[in-house]
Amino acid sequence: MACTLWFTGLPAAGKSTLAGLVADALRARGERVEVLDGDEIRRNLSYGLGFSRADREENLRRIAFVADLLSRNGIHAITAAISPFRAVRDEVRLRMGERFVEIYLDAPLAVCARRDPKGLYAKAFAGEIDNFTGVSDPYEAPLDPELTLQTGRESPQASAARVLAYLDELDSNRPTRSSPASGVPW
């Protein structure tokens, strides 16, 4: 059964890197998969939304809507968006049910700031960027994700292997008949 792999974590925790590695591995297995990258979604689906809490929540709901469409139709959806608000992630979980797999990329702020490819942390620490998650805006870590990856300590390849092993275990424990949709309308 296709599912939505919802990667969440601080900026530069490794979400896009892992999304690409996992997607490539799933494609190599012959599975259908799409990556919904936060930056690409903002440019194409959520253009015009800002970074207020309401706009961030709306952006996540749009990502969730697309991910739900994909996974309901047999395509693995991998999201790579910060997803800072627990309530929205919980809302998405409720709507997708067993197709939702929350994966927390747990990397310390210092590690994320050091590896930041866009230099945004330096600007946020200098006060040049408002509402920057983890610096001037909160990040609410998941309370009970399906999988926690220590991306500050393990290699991207090791993290990706853990995701794939989790999916293999999940598939082996699922009944062969698919269960009905959660019944929660979008």
N, C-alpha and C. Protein backbone atom coordinates (compact mmCIF):
# COMPACT_ATOMS: atom_id res chain seq x y z
N MET A 1 0.84 -1.18 0.00
CA MET A 1 0.00 0.00 0.00
C MET A 1 0.88 1.24 0.00
N ALA A 2 0.54 2.19 -0.82
CA ALA A 2 1.28 3.45 -0.86
C ALA A 2 0.95 4.27 0.38
N CYS A 3 1.92 5.07 0.79
CA CYS A 3 1.70 5.90 1.97
C CYS A 3 2.34 7.26 1.75
N THR A 4 2.11 8.13 2.72
CA THR A 4 2.76 9.43 2.74
C THR A 4 3.83 9.40 3.80
N LEU A 5 5.06 9.61 3.38
CA LEU A 5 6.17 9.74 4.31
C LEU A 5 6.33 11.22 4.60
N TRP A 6 5.96 11.63 5.80
CA TRP A 6 5.93 13.05 6.16
C TRP A 6 7.20 13.37 6.95
N PHE A 7 8.24 13.84 6.25
CA PHE A 7 9.48 14.22 6.92
C PHE A 7 9.28 15.59 7.57
N THR A 8 9.64 15.69 8.82
CA THR A 8 9.54 16.95 9.54
C THR A 8 10.80 17.17 10.37
N GLY A 9 11.20 18.40 10.48
CA GLY A 9 12.38 18.74 11.26
C GLY A 9 12.79 20.17 10.96
N LEU A 10 13.77 20.64 11.70
CA LEU A 10 14.27 22.00 11.53
C LEU A 10 14.79 22.22 10.11
N PRO A 11 14.89 23.49 9.69
CA PRO A 11 15.54 23.76 8.41
C PRO A 11 16.97 23.18 8.42
N ALA A 12 17.35 22.55 7.34
CA ALA A 12 18.67 21.94 7.14
C ALA A 12 18.87 20.69 7.99
N ALA A 13 17.78 20.06 8.42
CA ALA A 13 17.90 18.79 9.16
C ALA A 13 18.14 17.62 8.22
N GLY A 14 17.92 17.82 6.92
CA GLY A 14 18.18 16.77 5.93
C GLY A 14 16.94 16.25 5.21
N LYS A 15 15.84 16.96 5.31
CA LYS A 15 14.58 16.48 4.73
C LYS A 15 14.67 16.27 3.22
N SER A 16 15.15 17.25 2.50
CA SER A 16 15.22 17.13 1.04
C SER A 16 16.23 16.06 0.61
N THR A 17 17.35 16.00 1.30
CA THR A 17 18.35 14.98 1.00
C THR A 17 17.77 13.58 1.18
N LEU A 18 17.13 13.35 2.33
CA LEU A 18 16.55 12.04 2.59
C LEU A 18 15.40 11.73 1.65
N ALA A 19 14.59 12.73 1.35
CA ALA A 19 13.48 12.51 0.42
C ALA A 19 14.00 12.00 -0.91
N GLY A 20 15.07 12.60 -1.40
CA GLY A 20 15.66 12.16 -2.66
C GLY A 20 16.22 10.75 -2.60
N LEU A 21 16.93 10.44 -1.52
CA LEU A 21 17.51 9.10 -1.37
C LEU A 21 16.43 8.02 -1.28
N VAL A 22 15.41 8.28 -0.46
CA VAL A 22 14.33 7.30 -0.30
C VAL A 22 13.54 7.16 -1.60
N ALA A 23 13.26 8.27 -2.25
CA ALA A 23 12.53 8.22 -3.52
C ALA A 23 13.29 7.42 -4.56
N ASP A 24 14.60 7.65 -4.67
CA ASP A 24 15.41 6.90 -5.63
C ASP A 24 15.38 5.41 -5.34
N ALA A 25 15.48 5.05 -4.06
CA ALA A 25 15.47 3.63 -3.68
C ALA A 25 14.12 3.00 -3.98
N LEU A 26 13.04 3.71 -3.71
CA LEU A 26 11.70 3.17 -4.00
C LEU A 26 11.51 3.01 -5.51
N ARG A 27 11.97 3.97 -6.29
CA ARG A 27 11.87 3.87 -7.75
C ARG A 27 12.68 2.68 -8.26
N ALA A 28 13.84 2.46 -7.66
CA ALA A 28 14.68 1.32 -8.07
C ALA A 28 13.97 0.00 -7.78
N ARG A 29 13.07 -0.01 -6.82
CA ARG A 29 12.26 -1.20 -6.51
C ARG A 29 11.06 -1.33 -7.43
N GLY A 30 10.87 -0.34 -8.30
CA GLY A 30 9.73 -0.37 -9.20
C GLY A 30 8.48 0.26 -8.63
N GLU A 31 8.60 0.98 -7.53
CA GLU A 31 7.43 1.61 -6.93
C GLU A 31 7.27 3.03 -7.45
N ARG A 32 6.01 3.47 -7.45
CA ARG A 32 5.70 4.83 -7.90
C ARG A 32 5.82 5.77 -6.71
N VAL A 33 6.49 6.91 -6.93
CA VAL A 33 6.74 7.84 -5.83
C VAL A 33 6.86 9.27 -6.36
N GLU A 34 6.40 10.21 -5.57
CA GLU A 34 6.56 11.63 -5.87
C GLU A 34 7.08 12.32 -4.62
N VAL A 35 8.00 13.26 -4.81
CA VAL A 35 8.53 14.05 -3.71
C VAL A 35 7.86 15.42 -3.75
N LEU A 36 7.31 15.82 -2.62
CA LEU A 36 6.69 17.13 -2.48
C LEU A 36 7.62 17.97 -1.59
N ASP A 37 8.53 18.68 -2.23
CA ASP A 37 9.52 19.49 -1.52
C ASP A 37 8.92 20.83 -1.12
N GLY A 38 9.16 21.23 0.11
CA GLY A 38 8.58 22.46 0.63
C GLY A 38 8.87 23.68 -0.22
N ASP A 39 10.13 23.84 -0.67
CA ASP A 39 10.49 25.01 -1.49
C ASP A 39 9.78 24.97 -2.84
N GLU A 40 9.70 23.80 -3.46
CA GLU A 40 9.03 23.69 -4.75
C GLU A 40 7.53 23.93 -4.63
N ILE A 41 6.93 23.43 -3.55
CA ILE A 41 5.49 23.65 -3.33
C ILE A 41 5.22 25.14 -3.15
N ARG A 42 6.06 25.82 -2.39
CA ARG A 42 5.87 27.25 -2.20
C ARG A 42 5.95 28.01 -3.53
N ARG A 43 6.84 27.60 -4.41
CA ARG A 43 6.98 28.29 -5.70
C ARG A 43 5.81 27.98 -6.63
N ASN A 44 5.24 26.79 -6.55
CA ASN A 44 4.27 26.37 -7.56
C ASN A 44 2.83 26.24 -7.08
N LEU A 45 2.61 25.84 -5.86
CA LEU A 45 1.26 25.60 -5.38
C LEU A 45 0.83 26.62 -4.33
N SER A 46 1.80 27.15 -3.61
CA SER A 46 1.47 28.06 -2.51
C SER A 46 2.08 29.44 -2.72
N TYR A 47 2.31 29.78 -3.98
CA TYR A 47 2.87 31.09 -4.29
C TYR A 47 1.97 32.17 -3.71
N GLY A 48 2.56 33.14 -3.10
CA GLY A 48 1.78 34.23 -2.52
C GLY A 48 1.53 34.08 -1.03
N LEU A 49 1.72 32.87 -0.51
CA LEU A 49 1.58 32.69 0.93
C LEU A 49 2.85 33.20 1.61
N GLY A 50 2.67 33.84 2.74
CA GLY A 50 3.82 34.33 3.50
C GLY A 50 4.26 33.31 4.54
N PHE A 51 4.81 33.81 5.63
CA PHE A 51 5.33 32.94 6.67
C PHE A 51 4.66 33.17 8.02
N SER A 52 3.47 33.76 7.98
CA SER A 52 2.69 33.85 9.21
C SER A 52 2.25 32.45 9.59
N ARG A 53 1.82 32.27 10.80
CA ARG A 53 1.37 30.94 11.21
C ARG A 53 0.22 30.46 10.32
N ALA A 54 -0.73 31.33 10.04
CA ALA A 54 -1.88 30.95 9.21
C ALA A 54 -1.43 30.54 7.80
N ASP A 55 -0.49 31.28 7.22
CA ASP A 55 0.00 30.95 5.88
C ASP A 55 0.80 29.65 5.89
N ARG A 56 1.58 29.42 6.93
CA ARG A 56 2.33 28.17 7.01
C ARG A 56 1.38 26.99 7.15
N GLU A 57 0.35 27.15 7.96
CA GLU A 57 -0.63 26.07 8.12
C GLU A 57 -1.34 25.79 6.80
N GLU A 58 -1.70 26.84 6.08
CA GLU A 58 -2.36 26.65 4.78
C GLU A 58 -1.43 25.93 3.80
N ASN A 59 -0.16 26.29 3.79
CA ASN A 59 0.81 25.63 2.93
C ASN A 59 0.87 24.14 3.24
N LEU A 60 0.90 23.79 4.51
CA LEU A 60 0.94 22.38 4.90
C LEU A 60 -0.33 21.65 4.52
N ARG A 61 -1.47 22.30 4.64
CA ARG A 61 -2.73 21.66 4.23
C ARG A 61 -2.74 21.41 2.72
N ARG A 62 -2.17 22.30 1.94
CA ARG A 62 -2.08 22.09 0.49
C ARG A 62 -1.16 20.92 0.18
N ILE A 63 -0.03 20.85 0.86
CA ILE A 63 0.88 19.72 0.68
C ILE A 63 0.16 18.43 1.04
N ALA A 64 -0.55 18.45 2.17
CA ALA A 64 -1.27 17.26 2.63
C ALA A 64 -2.34 16.83 1.63
N PHE A 65 -3.04 17.78 1.05
CA PHE A 65 -4.08 17.46 0.07
C PHE A 65 -3.47 16.70 -1.12
N VAL A 66 -2.36 17.21 -1.63
CA VAL A 66 -1.71 16.55 -2.77
C VAL A 66 -1.16 15.18 -2.36
N ALA A 67 -0.53 15.12 -1.19
CA ALA A 67 0.02 13.85 -0.71
C ALA A 67 -1.09 12.81 -0.53
N ASP A 68 -2.21 13.24 -0.02
CA ASP A 68 -3.34 12.33 0.17
C ASP A 68 -3.85 11.82 -1.18
N LEU A 69 -3.98 12.69 -2.16
CA LEU A 69 -4.41 12.26 -3.50
C LEU A 69 -3.45 11.22 -4.07
N LEU A 70 -2.18 11.49 -3.93
CA LEU A 70 -1.18 10.56 -4.47
C LEU A 70 -1.25 9.20 -3.77
N SER A 71 -1.19 9.22 -2.44
CA SER A 71 -1.12 7.94 -1.73
C SER A 71 -2.42 7.14 -1.84
N ARG A 72 -3.56 7.82 -1.94
CA ARG A 72 -4.83 7.12 -2.15
C ARG A 72 -4.85 6.41 -3.49
N ASN A 73 -4.05 6.90 -4.42
CA ASN A 73 -4.04 6.35 -5.77
C ASN A 73 -2.78 5.54 -6.07
N GLY A 74 -2.17 4.99 -5.01
CA GLY A 74 -1.09 4.04 -5.19
C GLY A 74 0.29 4.62 -5.44
N ILE A 75 0.47 5.89 -5.16
CA ILE A 75 1.77 6.53 -5.36
C ILE A 75 2.28 6.98 -4.00
N HIS A 76 3.47 6.53 -3.64
CA HIS A 76 4.08 7.01 -2.40
C HIS A 76 4.32 8.51 -2.52
N ALA A 77 3.91 9.26 -1.52
CA ALA A 77 4.17 10.70 -1.46
C ALA A 77 5.19 10.93 -0.35
N ILE A 78 6.24 11.63 -0.68
CA ILE A 78 7.25 11.97 0.32
C ILE A 78 7.27 13.48 0.46
N THR A 79 6.94 13.96 1.65
CA THR A 79 6.96 15.40 1.87
C THR A 79 8.26 15.79 2.54
N ALA A 80 8.80 16.90 2.10
CA ALA A 80 10.03 17.44 2.67
C ALA A 80 9.79 18.91 2.97
N ALA A 81 9.01 19.14 4.02
CA ALA A 81 8.67 20.50 4.45
C ALA A 81 8.88 20.57 5.95
N ILE A 82 9.27 21.70 6.45
CA ILE A 82 9.58 21.84 7.87
C ILE A 82 8.42 21.36 8.74
N SER A 83 7.21 21.76 8.43
CA SER A 83 6.02 21.33 9.18
C SER A 83 6.19 21.60 10.67
N PRO A 84 6.32 22.86 11.05
CA PRO A 84 6.67 23.17 12.44
C PRO A 84 5.56 22.97 13.46
N PHE A 85 4.31 22.86 13.01
CA PHE A 85 3.21 22.86 13.97
C PHE A 85 2.61 21.48 14.15
N ARG A 86 2.67 20.99 15.36
CA ARG A 86 2.19 19.66 15.71
C ARG A 86 0.70 19.50 15.37
N ALA A 87 -0.09 20.52 15.64
CA ALA A 87 -1.54 20.41 15.42
C ALA A 87 -1.87 20.14 13.95
N VAL A 88 -1.16 20.77 13.04
CA VAL A 88 -1.42 20.53 11.62
C VAL A 88 -0.98 19.13 11.23
N ARG A 89 0.17 18.69 11.72
CA ARG A 89 0.61 17.32 11.43
C ARG A 89 -0.40 16.32 11.98
N ASP A 90 -0.92 16.58 13.17
CA ASP A 90 -1.93 15.68 13.75
C ASP A 90 -3.21 15.69 12.92
N GLU A 91 -3.57 16.84 12.39
CA GLU A 91 -4.75 16.95 11.52
C GLU A 91 -4.56 16.10 10.26
N VAL A 92 -3.37 16.18 9.69
CA VAL A 92 -3.07 15.40 8.50
C VAL A 92 -3.11 13.91 8.82
N ARG A 93 -2.56 13.52 9.96
CA ARG A 93 -2.58 12.12 10.39
C ARG A 93 -4.02 11.62 10.49
N LEU A 94 -4.88 12.41 11.08
CA LEU A 94 -6.28 12.04 11.24
C LEU A 94 -6.94 11.80 9.88
N ARG A 95 -6.64 12.65 8.94
CA ARG A 95 -7.27 12.53 7.61
C ARG A 95 -6.73 11.36 6.80
N MET A 96 -5.45 11.07 6.93
CA MET A 96 -4.85 10.00 6.11
C MET A 96 -4.88 8.64 6.79
N GLY A 97 -4.99 8.63 8.08
CA GLY A 97 -5.03 7.36 8.79
C GLY A 97 -3.75 6.58 8.64
N GLU A 98 -3.87 5.29 8.35
CA GLU A 98 -2.70 4.42 8.32
C GLU A 98 -1.75 4.71 7.16
N ARG A 99 -2.17 5.55 6.22
CA ARG A 99 -1.27 5.91 5.11
C ARG A 99 -0.28 7.00 5.50
N PHE A 100 -0.42 7.58 6.70
CA PHE A 100 0.45 8.66 7.16
C PHE A 100 1.57 8.10 8.02
N VAL A 101 2.81 8.41 7.64
CA VAL A 101 3.98 7.97 8.39
C VAL A 101 4.80 9.23 8.71
N GLU A 102 4.78 9.61 9.98
CA GLU A 102 5.52 10.79 10.41
C GLU A 102 6.96 10.39 10.74
N ILE A 103 7.91 11.09 10.10
CA ILE A 103 9.32 10.79 10.30
C ILE A 103 10.00 12.08 10.76
N TYR A 104 10.46 12.04 11.99
CA TYR A 104 11.09 13.19 12.62
C TYR A 104 12.59 13.15 12.40
N LEU A 105 13.12 14.17 11.74
CA LEU A 105 14.55 14.31 11.54
C LEU A 105 15.08 15.16 12.69
N ASP A 106 15.61 14.48 13.68
CA ASP A 106 16.06 15.10 14.92
C ASP A 106 17.52 15.47 14.79
N ALA A 107 17.77 16.74 14.50
CA ALA A 107 19.13 17.25 14.40
C ALA A 107 19.22 18.50 15.27
N PRO A 108 20.27 18.63 16.06
CA PRO A 108 20.42 19.81 16.92
C PRO A 108 20.49 21.10 16.09
N LEU A 109 20.00 22.18 16.66
CA LEU A 109 20.01 23.48 16.00
C LEU A 109 21.41 23.85 15.52
N ALA A 110 22.41 23.60 16.35
CA ALA A 110 23.79 23.96 15.98
C ALA A 110 24.25 23.20 14.74
N VAL A 111 23.87 21.94 14.63
CA VAL A 111 24.24 21.14 13.45
C VAL A 111 23.54 21.68 12.21
N CYS A 112 22.24 21.97 12.35
CA CYS A 112 21.49 22.51 11.21
C CYS A 112 22.07 23.85 10.75
N ALA A 113 22.40 24.71 11.70
CA ALA A 113 22.97 26.01 11.35
C ALA A 113 24.32 25.86 10.65
N ARG A 114 25.11 24.90 11.09
CA ARG A 114 26.42 24.68 10.50
C ARG A 114 26.32 24.14 9.07
N ARG A 115 25.34 23.30 8.80
CA ARG A 115 25.24 22.68 7.47
C ARG A 115 24.31 23.46 6.54
N ASP A 116 23.72 24.55 6.99
CA ASP A 116 22.74 25.32 6.23
C ASP A 116 23.27 25.74 4.86
N PRO A 117 22.74 25.15 3.78
CA PRO A 117 23.26 25.46 2.44
C PRO A 117 22.85 26.84 1.92
N LYS A 118 21.82 27.43 2.52
CA LYS A 118 21.32 28.72 2.01
C LYS A 118 21.80 29.91 2.85
N GLY A 119 22.46 29.65 3.96
CA GLY A 119 22.93 30.74 4.81
C GLY A 119 21.81 31.46 5.56
N LEU A 120 20.66 30.81 5.69
CA LEU A 120 19.52 31.47 6.32
C LEU A 120 19.64 31.56 7.83
N TYR A 121 20.28 30.58 8.45
CA TYR A 121 20.44 30.64 9.90
C TYR A 121 21.24 31.88 10.30
N ALA A 122 22.33 32.15 9.60
CA ALA A 122 23.15 33.32 9.93
C ALA A 122 22.32 34.59 9.85
N LYS A 123 21.48 34.68 8.83
CA LYS A 123 20.61 35.85 8.70
C LYS A 123 19.58 35.90 9.82
N ALA A 124 19.04 34.75 10.19
CA ALA A 124 18.04 34.70 11.26
C ALA A 124 18.68 35.07 12.60
N PHE A 125 19.88 34.56 12.88
CA PHE A 125 20.57 34.90 14.12
C PHE A 125 20.90 36.38 14.17
N ALA A 126 21.14 36.99 13.02
CA ALA A 126 21.45 38.43 12.95
C ALA A 126 20.19 39.29 12.97
N GLY A 127 19.02 38.65 13.01
CA GLY A 127 17.77 39.40 13.05
C GLY A 127 17.29 39.90 11.70
N GLU A 128 17.88 39.37 10.62
CA GLU A 128 17.53 39.80 9.27
C GLU A 128 16.33 39.04 8.71
N ILE A 129 15.96 37.92 9.33
CA ILE A 129 14.82 37.13 8.88
C ILE A 129 13.88 36.95 10.07
N ASP A 130 12.63 37.35 9.88
CA ASP A 130 11.61 37.15 10.91
C ASP A 130 10.98 35.77 10.73
N ASN A 131 10.38 35.26 11.77
CA ASN A 131 9.63 34.02 11.74
C ASN A 131 10.45 32.85 11.18
N PHE A 132 11.69 32.74 11.59
CA PHE A 132 12.53 31.65 11.11
C PHE A 132 12.42 30.50 12.10
N THR A 133 11.94 29.37 11.62
CA THR A 133 11.70 28.21 12.47
C THR A 133 12.97 27.78 13.19
N GLY A 134 12.83 27.62 14.50
CA GLY A 134 13.94 27.18 15.33
C GLY A 134 14.76 28.32 15.92
N VAL A 135 14.60 29.53 15.36
CA VAL A 135 15.33 30.68 15.87
C VAL A 135 14.35 31.70 16.44
N SER A 136 13.53 32.29 15.59
CA SER A 136 12.57 33.29 16.06
C SER A 136 11.13 32.82 15.96
N ASP A 137 10.94 31.58 15.58
CA ASP A 137 9.62 30.96 15.49
C ASP A 137 9.75 29.54 16.02
N PRO A 138 8.72 29.01 16.65
CA PRO A 138 8.86 27.69 17.28
C PRO A 138 8.85 26.54 16.28
N TYR A 139 9.48 25.45 16.70
CA TYR A 139 9.33 24.17 16.03
C TYR A 139 8.83 23.20 17.10
N GLU A 140 7.68 22.59 16.84
CA GLU A 140 7.08 21.66 17.79
C GLU A 140 7.39 20.23 17.34
N ALA A 141 8.34 19.63 18.02
CA ALA A 141 8.76 18.27 17.66
C ALA A 141 7.61 17.29 17.86
N PRO A 142 7.54 16.27 17.03
CA PRO A 142 6.49 15.25 17.20
C PRO A 142 6.60 14.56 18.56
N LEU A 143 5.45 14.20 19.11
CA LEU A 143 5.43 13.49 20.39
C LEU A 143 5.59 11.99 20.22
N ASP A 144 5.06 11.46 19.11
CA ASP A 144 5.10 10.01 18.91
C ASP A 144 5.19 9.68 17.41
N PRO A 145 6.29 10.08 16.76
CA PRO A 145 6.41 9.78 15.33
C PRO A 145 6.63 8.29 15.11
N GLU A 146 6.30 7.82 13.92
CA GLU A 146 6.56 6.43 13.59
C GLU A 146 8.06 6.14 13.58
N LEU A 147 8.84 7.14 13.22
CA LEU A 147 10.28 6.94 13.10
C LEU A 147 11.00 8.24 13.45
N THR A 148 12.06 8.15 14.24
CA THR A 148 12.91 9.30 14.55
C THR A 148 14.30 8.99 14.01
N LEU A 149 14.80 9.90 13.21
CA LEU A 149 16.14 9.75 12.62
C LEU A 149 17.06 10.79 13.25
N GLN A 150 18.20 10.37 13.72
CA GLN A 150 19.19 11.26 14.32
C GLN A 150 20.12 11.76 13.20
N THR A 151 19.61 12.70 12.40
CA THR A 151 20.35 13.14 11.21
C THR A 151 21.56 13.99 11.54
N GLY A 152 21.71 14.39 12.79
CA GLY A 152 22.92 15.08 13.19
C GLY A 152 24.06 14.12 13.48
N ARG A 153 23.73 12.83 13.65
CA ARG A 153 24.74 11.83 14.01
C ARG A 153 24.91 10.72 12.98
N GLU A 154 23.88 10.44 12.19
CA GLU A 154 24.01 9.34 11.23
C GLU A 154 24.04 9.88 9.81
N SER A 155 24.63 9.12 8.93
CA SER A 155 24.76 9.54 7.54
C SER A 155 23.39 9.54 6.86
N PRO A 156 23.24 10.33 5.80
CA PRO A 156 21.98 10.29 5.05
C PRO A 156 21.66 8.88 4.55
N GLN A 157 22.67 8.13 4.14
CA GLN A 157 22.45 6.77 3.65
C GLN A 157 21.92 5.87 4.77
N ALA A 158 22.47 6.01 5.98
CA ALA A 158 22.00 5.21 7.11
C ALA A 158 20.56 5.58 7.46
N SER A 159 20.24 6.88 7.44
CA SER A 159 18.87 7.31 7.72
C SER A 159 17.90 6.77 6.67
N ALA A 160 18.30 6.86 5.40
CA ALA A 160 17.44 6.36 4.32
C ALA A 160 17.22 4.86 4.47
N ALA A 161 18.26 4.13 4.84
CA ALA A 161 18.12 2.68 5.03
C ALA A 161 17.13 2.38 6.16
N ARG A 162 17.12 3.18 7.20
CA ARG A 162 16.17 2.98 8.30
C ARG A 162 14.73 3.22 7.83
N VAL A 163 14.53 4.23 6.97
CA VAL A 163 13.19 4.49 6.43
C VAL A 163 12.73 3.31 5.59
N LEU A 164 13.60 2.82 4.72
CA LEU A 164 13.25 1.69 3.86
C LEU A 164 12.96 0.43 4.67
N ALA A 165 13.74 0.21 5.72
CA ALA A 165 13.50 -0.95 6.60
C ALA A 165 12.15 -0.81 7.29
N TYR A 166 11.81 0.40 7.71
CA TYR A 166 10.51 0.63 8.34
C TYR A 166 9.39 0.32 7.35
N LEU A 167 9.52 0.79 6.11
CA LEU A 167 8.49 0.53 5.10
C LEU A 167 8.37 -0.97 4.82
N ASP A 168 9.48 -1.67 4.77
CA ASP A 168 9.44 -3.12 4.56
C ASP A 168 8.69 -3.80 5.71
N GLU A 169 8.97 -3.38 6.93
CA GLU A 169 8.28 -3.95 8.09
C GLU A 169 6.79 -3.62 8.06
N LEU A 170 6.49 -2.39 7.70
CA LEU A 170 5.10 -1.96 7.61
C LEU A 170 4.34 -2.80 6.59
N ASP A 171 4.94 -3.00 5.43
CA ASP A 171 4.30 -3.79 4.38
C ASP A 171 4.10 -5.24 4.80
N SER A 172 5.05 -5.80 5.53
CA SER A 172 4.92 -7.19 5.94
C SER A 172 3.85 -7.39 7.02
N ASN A 173 3.50 -6.32 7.72
CA ASN A 173 2.49 -6.41 8.79
C ASN A 173 1.10 -5.99 8.36
N ARG A 174 0.96 -5.50 7.14
CA ARG A 174 -0.36 -5.05 6.66
C ARG A 174 -1.13 -6.20 6.05
N PRO A 175 -2.46 -6.19 6.27
CA PRO A 175 -3.26 -7.21 5.60
C PRO A 175 -3.24 -6.97 4.09
N THR A 176 -3.54 -8.00 3.34
CA THR A 176 -3.49 -7.88 1.88
C THR A 176 -4.63 -7.03 1.34
N ARG A 177 -5.77 -7.01 2.02
CA ARG A 177 -6.88 -6.16 1.58
C ARG A 177 -6.68 -4.76 2.13
N SER A 178 -6.94 -3.76 1.32
CA SER A 178 -6.81 -2.40 1.81
C SER A 178 -8.05 -2.03 2.62
N SER A 179 -7.83 -1.23 3.63
CA SER A 179 -8.94 -0.81 4.48
C SER A 179 -9.61 0.40 3.85
N PRO A 180 -10.86 0.68 4.24
CA PRO A 180 -11.56 1.83 3.66
C PRO A 180 -10.89 3.13 4.07
N ALA A 181 -11.15 4.17 3.29
CA ALA A 181 -10.60 5.49 3.59
C ALA A 181 -11.09 5.95 4.95
N SER A 182 -10.36 6.90 5.51
CA SER A 182 -10.67 7.36 6.86
C SER A 182 -12.04 8.04 6.96
N GLY A 183 -12.58 8.47 5.85
CA GLY A 183 -13.89 9.10 5.86
C GLY A 183 -13.87 10.58 6.20
N VAL A 184 -12.68 11.13 6.40
CA VAL A 184 -12.57 12.57 6.71
C VAL A 184 -12.43 13.31 5.40
N PRO A 185 -13.39 14.14 5.03
CA PRO A 185 -13.32 14.83 3.75
C PRO A 185 -12.30 15.97 3.77
N TRP A 186 -11.71 16.21 2.63
CA TRP A 186 -10.82 17.37 2.50
C TRP A 186 -11.72 18.50 2.17
